[in-house]
């Protein structure tokens, strides 16, 4: 189970994250109704359909990138997305800084930038500093509430402080 931490608060996540099963292709996978985060191959195969869906039904579009997929693949499309998510694994080192920097500074992305996947709580402060503003993290099964770590936003000048959660 995942929870969404956005701007320092646990919030309900209205977005569905679409993944391709082994038998799916980007062209044939069923896209659920409502706000959906699609993987890059689905966006590339069905861009016009997804934009039409947003226009016709008002369902916002989001995309998620694998850690090794660079934001260059969507540089001309960033304004089409309400959310851009980057899926990390435990071995993703500094790619998060580069991805966030390119999206925010070079491509001018102003929307929600979300980190998803296998997120190390110790790196959430760093990811927040480099431009991510939301995180889909594993909920603590013992408490079912959880931000494991989150910056103290009492002053914009202070460095983020994080409180560890035992578990």
N, C-alpha and C. Protein backbone atom coordinates (compact mmCIF):
# COMPACT_ATOMS: atom_id res chain seq x y z
N UNK A 1 0.84 -1.18 0.00
CA UNK A 1 0.00 0.00 0.00
C UNK A 1 0.89 1.25 0.00
N UNK A 2 0.51 2.21 -0.80
CA UNK A 2 1.25 3.46 -0.90
C UNK A 2 0.42 4.60 -0.36
N UNK A 3 1.09 5.61 0.14
CA UNK A 3 0.42 6.85 0.50
C UNK A 3 1.09 7.96 -0.28
N UNK A 4 0.38 9.05 -0.45
CA UNK A 4 0.91 10.20 -1.16
C UNK A 4 1.24 11.30 -0.16
N UNK A 5 2.48 11.73 -0.19
CA UNK A 5 2.89 12.89 0.60
C UNK A 5 3.09 14.02 -0.39
N UNK A 6 2.30 15.06 -0.23
CA UNK A 6 2.35 16.18 -1.16
C UNK A 6 2.43 17.47 -0.36
N UNK A 7 3.44 18.26 -0.65
CA UNK A 7 3.65 19.52 0.06
C UNK A 7 3.63 19.33 1.58
N UNK A 8 4.20 18.21 2.03
CA UNK A 8 4.34 17.97 3.45
C UNK A 8 3.16 17.33 4.14
N UNK A 9 2.11 17.00 3.40
CA UNK A 9 0.90 16.44 4.00
C UNK A 9 0.51 15.14 3.30
N UNK A 10 -0.06 14.24 4.07
CA UNK A 10 -0.61 13.04 3.47
C UNK A 10 -1.93 13.43 2.81
N UNK A 11 -2.07 13.08 1.54
CA UNK A 11 -3.28 13.44 0.79
C UNK A 11 -3.81 12.21 0.06
N UNK A 12 -5.09 12.21 -0.21
CA UNK A 12 -5.62 11.11 -1.04
C UNK A 12 -5.04 11.23 -2.45
N UNK A 13 -4.79 10.10 -3.05
CA UNK A 13 -4.21 10.09 -4.40
C UNK A 13 -5.31 9.72 -5.39
N UNK A 14 -5.74 10.69 -6.19
CA UNK A 14 -6.79 10.45 -7.17
C UNK A 14 -6.26 9.82 -8.46
N UNK A 15 -4.94 9.76 -8.59
CA UNK A 15 -4.31 9.27 -9.81
C UNK A 15 -4.15 7.76 -9.78
N UNK A 16 -4.44 7.13 -10.92
CA UNK A 16 -4.14 5.72 -11.11
C UNK A 16 -2.84 5.64 -11.91
N UNK A 17 -1.98 4.71 -11.53
CA UNK A 17 -0.71 4.52 -12.23
C UNK A 17 -0.84 3.29 -13.12
N UNK A 18 -0.79 3.51 -14.41
CA UNK A 18 -0.93 2.43 -15.39
C UNK A 18 0.42 1.76 -15.61
N UNK A 19 0.44 0.45 -15.52
CA UNK A 19 1.64 -0.33 -15.82
C UNK A 19 1.28 -1.33 -16.90
N UNK A 20 2.25 -1.69 -17.69
CA UNK A 20 2.03 -2.67 -18.74
C UNK A 20 2.32 -4.07 -18.21
N UNK A 21 1.34 -4.96 -18.33
CA UNK A 21 1.55 -6.37 -18.00
C UNK A 21 2.32 -7.00 -19.15
N UNK A 22 2.83 -8.20 -18.94
CA UNK A 22 3.59 -8.86 -19.99
C UNK A 22 2.81 -9.01 -21.29
N UNK A 23 1.51 -9.22 -21.18
CA UNK A 23 0.70 -9.43 -22.38
C UNK A 23 0.22 -8.13 -23.02
N UNK A 24 0.45 -7.00 -22.36
CA UNK A 24 0.01 -5.70 -22.88
C UNK A 24 1.04 -5.09 -23.82
N UNK A 25 0.53 -4.27 -24.73
CA UNK A 25 1.39 -3.42 -25.55
C UNK A 25 0.92 -1.99 -25.33
N UNK A 26 1.76 -1.02 -25.60
CA UNK A 26 1.32 0.37 -25.44
C UNK A 26 0.07 0.70 -26.27
N UNK A 27 -0.08 0.05 -27.40
CA UNK A 27 -1.22 0.32 -28.28
C UNK A 27 -2.51 -0.35 -27.80
N UNK A 28 -2.42 -1.45 -27.04
CA UNK A 28 -3.62 -2.20 -26.68
C UNK A 28 -3.99 -2.16 -25.22
N UNK A 29 -3.13 -1.67 -24.36
CA UNK A 29 -3.45 -1.65 -22.93
C UNK A 29 -4.70 -0.80 -22.70
N UNK A 30 -5.56 -1.26 -21.79
CA UNK A 30 -6.78 -0.52 -21.45
C UNK A 30 -6.41 0.62 -20.50
N UNK A 31 -6.80 1.82 -20.87
CA UNK A 31 -6.52 2.99 -20.04
C UNK A 31 -7.74 3.25 -19.16
N UNK A 32 -7.56 3.27 -17.84
CA UNK A 32 -8.70 3.47 -16.94
C UNK A 32 -9.26 4.89 -17.04
N UNK A 33 -10.51 5.05 -16.65
CA UNK A 33 -11.13 6.37 -16.63
C UNK A 33 -10.52 7.20 -15.50
N UNK A 34 -10.63 8.49 -15.62
CA UNK A 34 -10.14 9.39 -14.60
C UNK A 34 -8.68 9.75 -14.79
N UNK A 35 -8.13 10.47 -13.81
CA UNK A 35 -6.74 10.88 -13.89
C UNK A 35 -5.82 9.66 -13.89
N UNK A 36 -4.91 9.61 -14.84
CA UNK A 36 -4.04 8.44 -14.96
C UNK A 36 -2.61 8.86 -15.30
N UNK A 37 -1.66 8.18 -14.66
CA UNK A 37 -0.25 8.32 -14.98
C UNK A 37 0.10 7.18 -15.93
N UNK A 38 0.49 7.51 -17.13
CA UNK A 38 0.81 6.48 -18.12
C UNK A 38 2.33 6.38 -18.28
N UNK A 39 2.83 5.19 -18.59
CA UNK A 39 4.26 5.08 -18.85
C UNK A 39 4.61 5.72 -20.19
N UNK A 40 5.87 6.10 -20.34
CA UNK A 40 6.33 6.76 -21.55
C UNK A 40 5.94 6.04 -22.84
N UNK A 41 6.08 4.71 -22.93
CA UNK A 41 5.70 4.05 -24.20
C UNK A 41 4.23 4.23 -24.56
N UNK A 42 3.35 4.29 -23.57
CA UNK A 42 1.92 4.50 -23.85
C UNK A 42 1.72 5.93 -24.36
N UNK A 43 2.37 6.90 -23.73
CA UNK A 43 2.27 8.29 -24.19
C UNK A 43 2.74 8.40 -25.63
N UNK A 44 3.86 7.78 -25.94
CA UNK A 44 4.41 7.88 -27.29
C UNK A 44 3.49 7.22 -28.32
N UNK A 45 2.83 6.14 -27.95
CA UNK A 45 1.97 5.42 -28.89
C UNK A 45 0.58 6.04 -29.00
N UNK A 46 0.11 6.70 -27.94
CA UNK A 46 -1.30 7.13 -27.91
C UNK A 46 -1.49 8.58 -27.48
N UNK A 47 -0.53 9.40 -27.80
CA UNK A 47 -0.55 10.81 -27.40
C UNK A 47 -1.85 11.51 -27.79
N UNK A 48 -2.24 11.42 -29.04
CA UNK A 48 -3.45 12.12 -29.50
C UNK A 48 -4.69 11.63 -28.76
N UNK A 49 -4.79 10.34 -28.55
CA UNK A 49 -5.93 9.78 -27.82
C UNK A 49 -5.98 10.29 -26.39
N UNK A 50 -4.84 10.37 -25.73
CA UNK A 50 -4.80 10.83 -24.35
C UNK A 50 -5.15 12.32 -24.24
N UNK A 51 -4.67 13.11 -25.18
CA UNK A 51 -5.01 14.54 -25.18
C UNK A 51 -6.51 14.72 -25.44
N UNK A 52 -7.06 13.95 -26.36
CA UNK A 52 -8.50 14.01 -26.63
C UNK A 52 -9.29 13.64 -25.39
N UNK A 53 -8.87 12.61 -24.70
CA UNK A 53 -9.52 12.16 -23.46
C UNK A 53 -9.59 13.28 -22.43
N UNK A 54 -8.48 14.01 -22.30
CA UNK A 54 -8.47 15.12 -21.35
C UNK A 54 -9.43 16.22 -21.81
N UNK A 55 -9.40 16.54 -23.08
CA UNK A 55 -10.27 17.59 -23.61
C UNK A 55 -11.75 17.19 -23.52
N UNK A 56 -12.05 15.98 -23.91
CA UNK A 56 -13.44 15.51 -23.96
C UNK A 56 -14.06 15.28 -22.58
N UNK A 57 -13.27 14.68 -21.66
CA UNK A 57 -13.82 14.27 -20.36
C UNK A 57 -13.29 15.08 -19.18
N UNK A 58 -12.26 15.87 -19.40
CA UNK A 58 -11.69 16.65 -18.30
C UNK A 58 -10.78 15.83 -17.39
N UNK A 59 -10.35 14.64 -17.86
CA UNK A 59 -9.46 13.80 -17.06
C UNK A 59 -8.03 14.22 -17.31
N UNK A 60 -7.35 14.71 -16.27
CA UNK A 60 -5.98 15.15 -16.47
C UNK A 60 -5.05 14.00 -16.86
N UNK A 61 -3.99 14.37 -17.55
CA UNK A 61 -2.99 13.41 -18.02
C UNK A 61 -1.73 13.57 -17.18
N UNK A 62 -1.16 12.44 -16.83
CA UNK A 62 0.15 12.42 -16.20
C UNK A 62 0.99 11.35 -16.85
N UNK A 63 2.26 11.44 -16.66
CA UNK A 63 3.18 10.45 -17.23
C UNK A 63 4.14 10.01 -16.15
N UNK A 64 4.59 8.78 -16.25
CA UNK A 64 5.68 8.36 -15.38
C UNK A 64 6.82 7.83 -16.22
N UNK A 65 8.01 8.17 -15.77
CA UNK A 65 9.24 7.77 -16.45
C UNK A 65 10.00 6.79 -15.57
N UNK A 66 10.59 5.78 -16.18
CA UNK A 66 11.53 4.93 -15.46
C UNK A 66 12.75 5.80 -15.13
N UNK A 67 13.49 5.44 -14.10
CA UNK A 67 14.65 6.24 -13.69
C UNK A 67 15.64 6.41 -14.84
N UNK A 68 15.76 5.39 -15.69
CA UNK A 68 16.73 5.49 -16.79
C UNK A 68 16.19 6.23 -18.02
N UNK A 69 14.90 6.57 -18.02
CA UNK A 69 14.33 7.31 -19.14
C UNK A 69 14.52 8.81 -18.87
N UNK A 70 15.21 9.46 -19.73
CA UNK A 70 15.47 10.88 -19.52
C UNK A 70 14.27 11.74 -19.89
N UNK A 71 14.17 12.90 -19.26
CA UNK A 71 13.07 13.81 -19.55
C UNK A 71 13.14 14.40 -20.95
N UNK A 72 14.25 14.19 -21.64
CA UNK A 72 14.37 14.68 -23.01
C UNK A 72 13.28 14.08 -23.90
N UNK A 73 12.82 12.89 -23.55
CA UNK A 73 11.79 12.21 -24.34
C UNK A 73 10.45 12.96 -24.32
N UNK A 74 10.25 13.81 -23.31
CA UNK A 74 8.97 14.54 -23.20
C UNK A 74 9.17 16.05 -23.19
N UNK A 75 10.36 16.53 -23.55
CA UNK A 75 10.65 17.95 -23.42
C UNK A 75 9.66 18.85 -24.14
N UNK A 76 9.13 18.42 -25.28
CA UNK A 76 8.17 19.25 -26.02
C UNK A 76 6.74 19.07 -25.51
N UNK A 77 6.54 18.12 -24.60
CA UNK A 77 5.19 17.79 -24.13
C UNK A 77 4.94 18.17 -22.67
N UNK A 78 5.92 18.72 -21.96
CA UNK A 78 5.75 18.90 -20.51
C UNK A 78 4.50 19.70 -20.15
N UNK A 79 4.09 20.61 -20.98
CA UNK A 79 2.90 21.40 -20.67
C UNK A 79 1.60 20.59 -20.78
N UNK A 80 1.67 19.40 -21.36
CA UNK A 80 0.49 18.54 -21.47
C UNK A 80 0.19 17.78 -20.18
N UNK A 81 1.11 17.76 -19.24
CA UNK A 81 0.97 16.90 -18.06
C UNK A 81 0.67 17.69 -16.80
N UNK A 82 -0.31 17.20 -16.04
CA UNK A 82 -0.59 17.76 -14.72
C UNK A 82 0.39 17.21 -13.69
N UNK A 83 0.83 15.97 -13.90
CA UNK A 83 1.79 15.31 -13.03
C UNK A 83 2.84 14.62 -13.89
N UNK A 84 4.09 14.77 -13.51
CA UNK A 84 5.17 13.96 -14.07
C UNK A 84 5.77 13.20 -12.91
N UNK A 85 5.77 11.88 -13.03
CA UNK A 85 6.33 11.03 -11.97
C UNK A 85 7.59 10.35 -12.50
N UNK A 86 8.53 10.14 -11.61
CA UNK A 86 9.75 9.42 -11.95
C UNK A 86 9.81 8.22 -11.02
N UNK A 87 9.91 7.04 -11.63
CA UNK A 87 9.93 5.80 -10.85
C UNK A 87 11.38 5.43 -10.55
N UNK A 88 11.67 5.34 -9.26
CA UNK A 88 13.03 5.03 -8.83
C UNK A 88 13.10 3.61 -8.29
N UNK A 89 14.28 3.01 -8.45
CA UNK A 89 14.55 1.77 -7.76
C UNK A 89 15.61 2.08 -6.72
N UNK A 90 15.92 1.13 -5.88
CA UNK A 90 16.86 1.41 -4.79
C UNK A 90 18.27 1.72 -5.26
N UNK A 91 18.55 1.47 -6.56
CA UNK A 91 19.88 1.72 -7.07
C UNK A 91 19.99 3.04 -7.83
N UNK A 92 18.91 3.78 -7.93
CA UNK A 92 18.94 5.06 -8.65
C UNK A 92 19.75 6.07 -7.83
N UNK A 93 20.89 6.42 -8.31
CA UNK A 93 21.79 7.27 -7.53
C UNK A 93 21.44 8.74 -7.71
N UNK A 94 22.13 9.43 -8.59
CA UNK A 94 21.94 10.87 -8.73
C UNK A 94 21.04 11.23 -9.90
N UNK A 95 20.45 10.27 -10.55
CA UNK A 95 19.58 10.53 -11.70
C UNK A 95 18.42 11.45 -11.30
N UNK A 96 17.95 11.32 -10.04
CA UNK A 96 16.83 12.13 -9.59
C UNK A 96 17.14 13.62 -9.66
N UNK A 97 18.37 14.01 -9.31
CA UNK A 97 18.74 15.41 -9.38
C UNK A 97 18.72 15.91 -10.82
N UNK A 98 19.31 15.15 -11.71
CA UNK A 98 19.37 15.55 -13.11
C UNK A 98 17.97 15.65 -13.71
N UNK A 99 17.14 14.66 -13.47
CA UNK A 99 15.78 14.65 -14.01
C UNK A 99 14.98 15.84 -13.50
N UNK A 100 14.99 16.04 -12.20
CA UNK A 100 14.25 17.16 -11.63
C UNK A 100 14.76 18.49 -12.15
N UNK A 101 16.07 18.65 -12.20
CA UNK A 101 16.67 19.90 -12.68
C UNK A 101 16.26 20.18 -14.14
N UNK A 102 16.38 19.17 -14.99
CA UNK A 102 16.01 19.37 -16.40
C UNK A 102 14.54 19.74 -16.53
N UNK A 103 13.68 19.02 -15.83
CA UNK A 103 12.24 19.31 -15.94
C UNK A 103 11.91 20.70 -15.42
N UNK A 104 12.45 21.07 -14.29
CA UNK A 104 12.11 22.37 -13.68
C UNK A 104 12.82 23.53 -14.37
N UNK A 105 14.11 23.41 -14.58
CA UNK A 105 14.90 24.55 -15.05
C UNK A 105 14.99 24.64 -16.58
N UNK A 106 15.31 23.57 -17.22
CA UNK A 106 15.51 23.62 -18.68
C UNK A 106 14.19 23.60 -19.44
N UNK A 107 13.25 22.74 -19.01
CA UNK A 107 11.99 22.59 -19.74
C UNK A 107 10.84 23.39 -19.12
N UNK A 108 11.07 24.05 -17.99
CA UNK A 108 10.09 24.95 -17.39
C UNK A 108 8.86 24.29 -16.82
N UNK A 109 8.95 23.04 -16.40
CA UNK A 109 7.78 22.34 -15.86
C UNK A 109 7.40 22.91 -14.50
N UNK A 110 6.14 23.34 -14.37
CA UNK A 110 5.65 23.97 -13.14
C UNK A 110 4.67 23.09 -12.37
N UNK A 111 4.25 21.97 -12.95
CA UNK A 111 3.26 21.11 -12.31
C UNK A 111 3.86 20.24 -11.22
N UNK A 112 3.06 19.27 -10.80
CA UNK A 112 3.49 18.35 -9.74
C UNK A 112 4.57 17.41 -10.27
N UNK A 113 5.67 17.32 -9.55
CA UNK A 113 6.76 16.40 -9.88
C UNK A 113 6.82 15.38 -8.75
N UNK A 114 6.49 14.14 -9.10
CA UNK A 114 6.29 13.09 -8.11
C UNK A 114 7.36 12.01 -8.21
N UNK A 115 7.87 11.58 -7.09
CA UNK A 115 8.78 10.43 -7.02
C UNK A 115 7.96 9.21 -6.63
N UNK A 116 8.11 8.12 -7.39
CA UNK A 116 7.39 6.89 -7.11
C UNK A 116 8.37 5.72 -7.14
N UNK A 117 7.93 4.58 -6.66
CA UNK A 117 8.76 3.39 -6.73
C UNK A 117 9.38 3.07 -5.39
N UNK A 118 10.57 2.52 -5.43
CA UNK A 118 11.28 2.10 -4.23
C UNK A 118 12.04 3.29 -3.68
N UNK A 119 11.37 4.07 -2.84
CA UNK A 119 11.95 5.30 -2.33
C UNK A 119 12.58 5.08 -0.97
N UNK A 120 13.82 5.46 -0.84
CA UNK A 120 14.53 5.40 0.42
C UNK A 120 14.17 6.66 1.20
N UNK A 121 13.59 6.47 2.37
CA UNK A 121 13.17 7.61 3.18
C UNK A 121 14.28 8.59 3.48
N UNK A 122 15.52 8.10 3.56
CA UNK A 122 16.64 8.98 3.83
C UNK A 122 16.91 9.96 2.69
N UNK A 123 16.43 9.64 1.49
CA UNK A 123 16.69 10.51 0.33
C UNK A 123 15.51 11.43 0.00
N UNK A 124 14.42 11.35 0.75
CA UNK A 124 13.27 12.20 0.44
C UNK A 124 13.61 13.68 0.59
N UNK A 125 14.37 14.03 1.62
CA UNK A 125 14.74 15.44 1.82
C UNK A 125 15.54 15.94 0.62
N UNK A 126 16.49 15.12 0.18
CA UNK A 126 17.29 15.49 -0.98
C UNK A 126 16.42 15.64 -2.21
N UNK A 127 15.54 14.69 -2.44
CA UNK A 127 14.67 14.77 -3.62
C UNK A 127 13.76 16.00 -3.56
N UNK A 128 13.31 16.33 -2.37
CA UNK A 128 12.50 17.54 -2.22
C UNK A 128 13.32 18.78 -2.57
N UNK A 129 14.56 18.82 -2.12
CA UNK A 129 15.42 19.97 -2.39
C UNK A 129 15.70 20.15 -3.87
N UNK A 130 15.76 19.05 -4.63
CA UNK A 130 16.09 19.17 -6.05
C UNK A 130 14.87 19.37 -6.93
N UNK A 131 13.66 19.39 -6.36
CA UNK A 131 12.50 19.75 -7.17
C UNK A 131 11.28 18.86 -7.08
N UNK A 132 11.37 17.71 -6.44
CA UNK A 132 10.18 16.87 -6.30
C UNK A 132 9.29 17.46 -5.21
N UNK A 133 7.98 17.50 -5.47
CA UNK A 133 7.08 18.04 -4.45
C UNK A 133 6.06 17.04 -3.95
N UNK A 134 6.10 15.81 -4.47
CA UNK A 134 5.24 14.77 -3.92
C UNK A 134 5.93 13.42 -4.04
N UNK A 135 5.51 12.52 -3.16
CA UNK A 135 6.14 11.21 -3.05
C UNK A 135 5.09 10.15 -2.77
N UNK A 136 5.10 9.09 -3.55
CA UNK A 136 4.26 7.93 -3.26
C UNK A 136 5.16 6.95 -2.53
N UNK A 137 4.95 6.81 -1.22
CA UNK A 137 5.81 5.98 -0.39
C UNK A 137 5.03 4.82 0.19
N UNK A 138 5.75 3.76 0.53
CA UNK A 138 5.12 2.62 1.18
C UNK A 138 4.57 3.07 2.52
N UNK A 139 3.32 2.74 2.79
CA UNK A 139 2.73 3.06 4.09
C UNK A 139 3.33 2.12 5.13
N UNK A 140 3.51 2.62 6.32
CA UNK A 140 4.00 1.79 7.41
C UNK A 140 2.87 0.87 7.83
N UNK A 141 3.02 -0.44 7.63
CA UNK A 141 1.92 -1.34 7.94
C UNK A 141 1.55 -1.36 9.42
N UNK A 142 2.45 -0.93 10.31
CA UNK A 142 2.16 -0.93 11.74
C UNK A 142 1.27 0.24 12.14
N UNK A 143 1.39 1.35 11.44
CA UNK A 143 0.64 2.54 11.85
C UNK A 143 -0.40 2.97 10.84
N UNK A 144 -0.19 2.62 9.58
CA UNK A 144 -1.07 3.01 8.48
C UNK A 144 -1.18 4.52 8.30
N UNK A 145 -0.35 5.28 8.91
CA UNK A 145 -0.31 6.72 8.70
C UNK A 145 1.10 7.01 8.24
N UNK A 146 1.72 7.80 8.04
CA UNK A 146 3.15 7.72 7.86
C UNK A 146 3.97 8.76 7.22
N UNK A 147 4.12 9.83 7.30
CA UNK A 147 5.25 10.21 6.52
C UNK A 147 6.49 9.74 7.23
N UNK A 148 7.28 8.90 6.58
CA UNK A 148 8.48 8.48 7.24
C UNK A 148 9.42 9.66 7.47
N UNK A 149 9.50 10.56 6.51
CA UNK A 149 10.37 11.73 6.63
C UNK A 149 9.70 12.86 5.85
N UNK A 150 9.77 14.05 6.36
CA UNK A 150 9.31 15.20 5.57
C UNK A 150 9.87 16.48 6.12
N UNK A 151 10.22 17.42 5.25
CA UNK A 151 10.85 18.66 5.72
C UNK A 151 9.91 19.52 6.56
N UNK A 152 10.53 20.25 7.46
CA UNK A 152 9.82 21.23 8.26
C UNK A 152 9.79 22.51 7.43
N UNK A 153 8.58 22.96 7.07
CA UNK A 153 8.46 24.14 6.20
C UNK A 153 8.21 25.42 7.00
N UNK A 154 8.67 25.46 8.25
CA UNK A 154 8.40 26.66 9.04
C UNK A 154 9.10 27.88 8.49
N UNK A 155 10.29 27.69 7.91
CA UNK A 155 10.95 28.80 7.25
C UNK A 155 11.49 28.31 5.92
N UNK A 156 11.45 29.15 4.95
CA UNK A 156 11.96 28.78 3.63
C UNK A 156 13.48 28.73 3.63
N UNK A 157 14.11 29.43 4.54
CA UNK A 157 15.57 29.48 4.56
C UNK A 157 16.19 28.27 5.26
N UNK A 158 15.45 27.67 6.17
CA UNK A 158 16.05 26.57 6.92
C UNK A 158 16.13 25.31 6.08
N UNK A 159 17.14 24.54 6.36
CA UNK A 159 17.28 23.26 5.66
C UNK A 159 16.15 22.33 6.12
N UNK A 160 15.68 21.47 5.24
CA UNK A 160 14.62 20.56 5.64
C UNK A 160 15.05 19.69 6.81
N UNK A 161 14.13 19.49 7.74
CA UNK A 161 14.37 18.58 8.87
C UNK A 161 13.43 17.42 8.72
N UNK A 162 13.92 16.26 9.04
CA UNK A 162 13.12 15.06 8.89
C UNK A 162 13.07 14.31 10.19
N UNK A 163 11.93 13.72 10.46
CA UNK A 163 11.77 12.91 11.66
C UNK A 163 11.71 11.45 11.22
N UNK A 164 12.52 10.64 11.83
CA UNK A 164 12.52 9.22 11.48
C UNK A 164 11.35 8.53 12.14
N UNK A 165 10.79 7.56 11.49
CA UNK A 165 9.72 6.74 12.02
C UNK A 165 10.30 5.37 12.26
N UNK A 166 10.10 4.85 13.44
CA UNK A 166 10.62 3.50 13.69
C UNK A 166 9.77 2.49 12.96
N UNK A 167 10.34 1.40 12.63
CA UNK A 167 9.52 0.42 11.91
C UNK A 167 10.32 -0.67 11.49
